[in-house]
C-alpha cells in the first residue's frame, strides 16, 4: 500500500467537523506565514484570487460534474 492510499484511508475517517477544523488550522498557518513574511502581502490581490480559483477547480468539478 502506497503513501497516498494510506492517507486516503486516514482522511475517510474524518467527519465534517474535523475537516472544517483542519481548514481553519490551515488558514491560521497561512496568516502566521503572512505575518512573518510581510512581503507576501505586497503581492497584488489578483494573484491570490487566481490561486484560489485554480485550487477550487477540482473540488467544484468533483462536486458538480461527476455523475
Protein backbone atom coordinates (compact mmCIF):
# COMPACT_ATOMS: atom_id res chain seq x y z
CA UNK A 1 0.00 0.00 0.00
CA UNK A 2 1.37 3.36 -1.01
CA UNK A 3 1.51 6.53 0.98
CA UNK A 4 -1.41 8.11 -0.89
CA UNK A 5 -3.63 5.10 -0.28
CA UNK A 6 -2.75 5.21 3.41
CA UNK A 7 -3.54 8.93 3.58
CA UNK A 8 -6.83 8.35 1.73
CA UNK A 9 -7.87 5.75 4.30
CA UNK A 10 -6.99 8.11 7.15
CA UNK A 11 -8.87 11.07 5.65
CA UNK A 12 -12.01 8.98 5.16
CA UNK A 13 -12.20 8.62 8.94
CA UNK A 14 -12.67 12.36 9.38
CA UNK A 15 -16.12 13.85 9.69
CA UNK A 16 -17.24 17.29 8.60
CA UNK A 17 -16.29 18.81 11.96
CA UNK A 18 -12.70 17.55 11.75
CA UNK A 19 -12.38 18.65 8.12
CA UNK A 20 -13.51 22.18 8.95
CA UNK A 21 -11.14 22.33 11.92
CA UNK A 22 -8.27 21.27 9.64
CA UNK A 23 -9.24 24.00 7.16
CA UNK A 24 -9.32 26.59 9.95
CA UNK A 25 -5.89 25.45 11.14
CA UNK A 26 -4.51 25.79 7.60
CA UNK A 27 -5.91 29.33 7.35
CA UNK A 28 -4.30 30.24 10.67
CA UNK A 29 -0.96 28.84 9.50
CA UNK A 30 -1.27 30.93 6.33
CA UNK A 31 -1.92 34.03 8.46
CA UNK A 32 1.14 33.31 10.59
CA UNK A 33 3.30 32.93 7.47
CA UNK A 34 1.89 36.18 6.06
CA UNK A 35 2.67 37.93 9.34
CA UNK A 36 6.23 36.56 9.46
CA UNK A 37 6.92 37.38 5.79
CA UNK A 38 5.30 40.77 5.17
CA UNK A 39 6.49 40.87 1.55
CA UNK A 40 3.76 38.34 0.76
CA UNK A 41 1.11 40.96 1.48
CA UNK A 42 2.71 43.27 -1.10
CA UNK A 43 1.60 40.89 -3.86
CA UNK A 44 -1.41 42.01 -5.87
CA UNK A 45 -4.71 40.65 -4.61
CA UNK A 46 -5.43 39.24 -8.07
CA UNK A 47 -2.66 36.66 -7.67
CA UNK A 48 -4.44 35.38 -4.55
CA UNK A 49 -7.73 35.30 -6.48
CA UNK A 50 -6.06 33.35 -9.29
CA UNK A 51 -4.54 30.79 -6.90
CA UNK A 52 -7.88 30.41 -5.10
CA UNK A 53 -9.68 29.83 -8.41
CA UNK A 54 -7.10 27.28 -9.52
CA UNK A 55 -7.40 25.43 -6.22
CA UNK A 56 -11.20 25.41 -6.48
CA UNK A 57 -11.43 23.89 -9.96
CA UNK A 58 -11.06 20.23 -8.97
CA UNK A 59 -13.42 20.29 -5.94
CA UNK A 60 -16.08 22.09 -7.96
CA UNK A 61 -15.71 19.58 -10.79
CA UNK A 62 -15.98 16.63 -8.42
CA UNK A 63 -18.95 18.16 -6.60
CA UNK A 64 -21.00 19.19 -9.64
CA UNK A 65 -19.50 17.46 -12.66
CA UNK A 66 -19.18 13.79 -11.85
CA UNK A 67 -22.20 11.57 -12.23
